[in-house]
Amino acid sequence: INNAMKEASETYLKDVLGRRVDTIYDTSGRIRQPQLISCIMWGVDNVRQWQFIQVAVGEYTIKLCTSGIVNETDIRNRLLHVLGNDAYILIEYVDEIPVANSSKRRYIINLGNG
């Protein structure tokens, strides 16, 4: 194979992009995978939409759009298990989670970058 044929046959990926999700941190500053929050919220009764926001280290807000009563204690305990028992978690009820410029809802937001 000559060089021209070799160069023509090689293909490289410059970027592989999917949905970008902010990184979140627990109360000790350790990185926690945002998918953990998704696992916690998966199947929670009466939650239609949700958005988890890290405001600062140890300070979090979870916005819930619900179709009925939710078990706040269960949600809070699950989050404390992942984030640290000293986490401050505010649960806020909203009518809808806003759509971002990407036409998707951001389900994890880090305002404080850890």
C-alpha atoms as a PDB file:
ATOM      1  CA  ILE A   1       0.000   0.000   0.000  1.00  0.00           C
ATOM      2  CA  ASN A   2       1.432   3.348  -0.947  1.00  0.00           C
ATOM      3  CA  ASN A   3       1.136   6.375   1.354  1.00  0.00           C
ATOM      4  CA  ALA A   4      -1.657   8.020  -0.665  1.00  0.00           C
ATOM      5  CA  MET A   5      -3.825   4.902  -0.400  1.00  0.00           C
ATOM      6  CA  LYS A   6      -3.027   4.498   3.311  1.00  0.00           C
ATOM      7  CA  GLU A   7      -3.952   8.118   4.101  1.00  0.00           C
ATOM      8  CA  ALA A   8      -7.183   7.868   2.120  1.00  0.00           C
ATOM      9  CA  SER A   9      -8.259   4.719   3.942  1.00  0.00           C
ATOM     10  CA  GLU A  10      -7.699   6.021   7.503  1.00  0.00           C
ATOM     11  CA  THR A  11     -10.527   7.827   9.189  1.00  0.00           C
ATOM     12  CA  TYR A  12     -10.242   9.539  12.532  1.00  0.00           C
ATOM     13  CA  LEU A  13     -12.851  10.815  14.924  1.00  0.00           C
ATOM     14  CA  LYS A  14     -12.104  14.292  16.117  1.00  0.00           C
ATOM     15  CA  ASP A  15     -14.882  14.469  18.708  1.00  0.00           C
ATOM     16  CA  VAL A  16     -17.546  12.181  20.052  1.00  0.00           C
ATOM     17  CA  LEU A  17     -20.317  14.185  21.591  1.00  0.00           C
ATOM     18  CA  GLY A  18     -23.408  13.122  23.415  1.00  0.00           C
ATOM     19  CA  ARG A  19     -25.450  14.783  26.049  1.00  0.00           C
ATOM     20  CA  ARG A  20     -23.150  16.830  28.241  1.00  0.00           C
ATOM     21  CA  VAL A  21     -23.887  16.657  31.934  1.00  0.00           C
ATOM     22  CA  ASP A  22     -22.306  18.782  34.650  1.00  0.00           C
ATOM     23  CA  THR A  23     -20.094  17.123  37.231  1.00  0.00           C
ATOM     24  CA  ILE A  24     -21.321  17.166  40.807  1.00  0.00           C
ATOM     25  CA  TYR A  25     -19.415  16.862  44.074  1.00  0.00           C
ATOM     26  CA  ASP A  26     -20.301  15.440  47.460  1.00  0.00           C
ATOM     27  CA  THR A  27     -19.899  17.356  50.715  1.00  0.00           C
ATOM     28  CA  SER A  28     -16.226  16.307  50.919  1.00  0.00           C
ATOM     29  CA  GLY A  29     -15.472  17.651  47.445  1.00  0.00           C
ATOM     30  CA  ARG A  30     -15.236  14.224  45.798  1.00  0.00           C
ATOM     31  CA  ILE A  31     -16.624  13.842  42.296  1.00  0.00           C
ATOM     32  CA  ARG A  32     -19.898  11.927  42.147  1.00  0.00           C
ATOM     33  CA  GLN A  33     -21.229  10.599  38.862  1.00  0.00           C
ATOM     34  CA  PRO A  34     -24.388  12.509  37.888  1.00  0.00           C
ATOM     35  CA  GLN A  35     -25.936   9.209  36.808  1.00  0.00           C
ATOM     36  CA  LEU A  36     -26.236   8.362  40.506  1.00  0.00           C
ATOM     37  CA  ILE A  37     -28.839  11.108  40.819  1.00  0.00           C
ATOM     38  CA  SER A  38     -30.682   9.669  37.818  1.00  0.00           C
ATOM     39  CA  CYS A  39     -30.706   6.252  39.494  1.00  0.00           C
ATOM     40  CA  ILE A  40     -32.085   7.775  42.686  1.00  0.00           C
ATOM     41  CA  MET A  41     -34.875   9.555  40.817  1.00  0.00           C
ATOM     42  CA  TRP A  42     -35.712   6.656  38.509  1.00  0.00           C
ATOM     43  CA  GLY A  43     -39.149   5.357  39.326  1.00  0.00           C
ATOM     44  CA  VAL A  44     -39.933   7.793  42.156  1.00  0.00           C
ATOM     45  CA  ASP A  45     -43.718   7.858  42.329  1.00  0.00           C
ATOM     46  CA  ASN A  46     -45.495  10.957  40.991  1.00  0.00           C
ATOM     47  CA  VAL A  47     -42.367  12.738  39.698  1.00  0.00           C
ATOM     48  CA  ARG A  48     -42.911  13.771  36.068  1.00  0.00           C
ATOM     49  CA  GLN A  49     -39.743  15.881  35.688  1.00  0.00           C
ATOM     50  CA  TRP A  50     -36.844  16.738  37.950  1.00  0.00           C
ATOM     51  CA  GLN A  51     -33.719  18.864  37.963  1.00  0.00           C
ATOM     52  CA  PHE A  52     -30.825  18.548  40.410  1.00  0.00           C
ATOM     53  CA  ILE A  53     -28.748  21.663  41.075  1.00  0.00           C
ATOM     54  CA  GLN A  54     -25.521  21.898  43.030  1.00  0.00           C
ATOM     55  CA  VAL A  55     -25.470  25.443  44.370  1.00  0.00           C
ATOM     56  CA  ALA A  56     -22.152  25.121  46.233  1.00  0.00           C
ATOM     57  CA  VAL A  57     -20.151  22.422  48.014  1.00  0.00           C
ATOM     58  CA  GLY A  58     -22.643  20.686  50.271  1.00  0.00           C
ATOM     59  CA  GLU A  59     -25.634  22.735  49.088  1.00  0.00           C
ATOM     60  CA  TYR A  60     -28.134  21.281  46.642  1.00  0.00           C
ATOM     61  CA  THR A  61     -31.599  21.979  45.251  1.00  0.00           C
ATOM     62  CA  ILE A  62     -33.808  19.443  43.580  1.00  0.00           C
ATOM     63  CA  LYS A  63     -36.710  20.816  41.562  1.00  0.00           C
ATOM     64  CA  LEU A  64     -39.646  18.486  41.194  1.00  0.00           C
ATOM     65  CA  CYS A  65     -42.548  18.658  38.779  1.00  0.00           C
ATOM     66  CA  THR A  66     -45.061  16.241  40.238  1.00  0.00           C
ATOM     67  CA  SER A  67     -48.410  14.694  39.487  1.00  0.00           C
ATOM     68  CA  GLY A  68     -49.196  13.946  43.131  1.00  0.00           C
ATOM     69  CA  ILE A  69     -47.692  13.499  46.566  1.00  0.00           C
ATOM     70  CA  VAL A  70     -44.033  12.434  46.716  1.00  0.00           C
ATOM     71  CA  ASN A  71     -42.091  10.906  49.571  1.00  0.00           C
ATOM     72  CA  GLU A  72     -39.659  13.759  50.327  1.00  0.00           C
ATOM     73  CA  THR A  73     -38.035  11.852  53.188  1.00  0.00           C
ATOM     74  CA  ASP A  74     -37.174   8.934  50.894  1.00  0.00           C
ATOM     75  CA  ILE A  75     -35.721  11.230  48.214  1.00  0.00           C
ATOM     76  CA  ARG A  76     -33.722  13.216  50.768  1.00  0.00           C
ATOM     77  CA  ASN A  77     -32.338  10.068  52.437  1.00  0.00           C
ATOM     78  CA  ARG A  78     -31.261   8.599  49.101  1.00  0.00           C
ATOM     79  CA  LEU A  79     -29.512  11.851  48.162  1.00  0.00           C
ATOM     80  CA  LEU A  80     -27.815  12.087  51.568  1.00  0.00           C
ATOM     81  CA  HIS A  81     -26.450   8.570  51.085  1.00  0.00           C
ATOM     82  CA  VAL A  82     -24.706   9.688  47.854  1.00  0.00           C
ATOM     83  CA  LEU A  83     -23.811  13.283  48.729  1.00  0.00           C
ATOM     84  CA  GLY A  84     -22.963  13.015  52.422  1.00  0.00           C
ATOM     85  CA  ASN A  85     -25.053  13.104  55.572  1.00  0.00           C
ATOM     86  CA  ASP A  86     -24.179  16.759  56.134  1.00  0.00           C
ATOM     87  CA  ALA A  87     -25.607  17.890  52.771  1.00  0.00           C
ATOM     88  CA  TYR A  88     -28.180  20.670  52.744  1.00  0.00           C
ATOM     89  CA  ILE A  89     -30.921  19.666  50.300  1.00  0.00           C
ATOM     90  CA  LEU A  90     -33.759  21.988  49.339  1.00  0.00           C
ATOM     91  CA  ILE A  91     -36.739  20.389  47.616  1.00  0.00           C
ATOM     92  CA  GLU A  92     -38.585  22.848  45.412  1.00  0.00           C
ATOM     93  CA  TYR A  93     -41.823  22.193  43.537  1.00  0.00           C
ATOM     94  CA  VAL A  94     -42.227  23.695  40.073  1.00  0.00           C
ATOM     95  CA  ASP A  95     -44.807  23.512  37.298  1.00  0.00           C
ATOM     96  CA  GLU A  96     -42.231  22.543  34.686  1.00  0.00           C
ATOM     97  CA  ILE A  97     -38.479  22.203  34.211  1.00  0.00           C
ATOM     98  CA  PRO A  98     -37.411  24.761  31.593  1.00  0.00           C
ATOM     99  CA  VAL A  99     -36.051  23.684  28.246  1.00  0.00           C
ATOM    100  CA  ALA A 100     -32.473  24.817  27.475  1.00  0.00           C
ATOM    101  CA  ASN A 101     -31.290  26.322  24.182  1.00  0.00           C
ATOM    102  CA  SER A 102     -30.453  22.769  23.080  1.00  0.00           C
ATOM    103  CA  SER A 103     -34.207  21.968  23.207  1.00  0.00           C
ATOM    104  CA  LYS A 104     -33.503  19.539  26.047  1.00  0.00           C
ATOM    105  CA  ARG A 105     -34.006  19.813  29.773  1.00  0.00           C
ATOM    106  CA  ARG A 106     -30.823  19.949  31.834  1.00  0.00           C
ATOM    107  CA  TYR A 107     -31.377  17.456  34.603  1.00  0.00           C
ATOM    108  CA  ILE A 108     -28.054  18.105  36.381  1.00  0.00           C
ATOM    109  CA  ILE A 109     -26.658  21.609  36.902  1.00  0.00           C
ATOM    110  CA  ASN A 110     -23.596  22.657  38.884  1.00  0.00           C
ATOM    111  CA  LEU A 111     -23.669  26.383  39.661  1.00  0.00           C
ATOM    112  CA  GLY A 112     -20.699  26.314  42.013  1.00  0.00           C
ATOM    113  CA  ASN A 113     -18.315  23.996  40.146  1.00  0.00           C
ATOM    114  CA  GLY A 114     -17.727  21.978  43.270  1.00  0.00           C
END
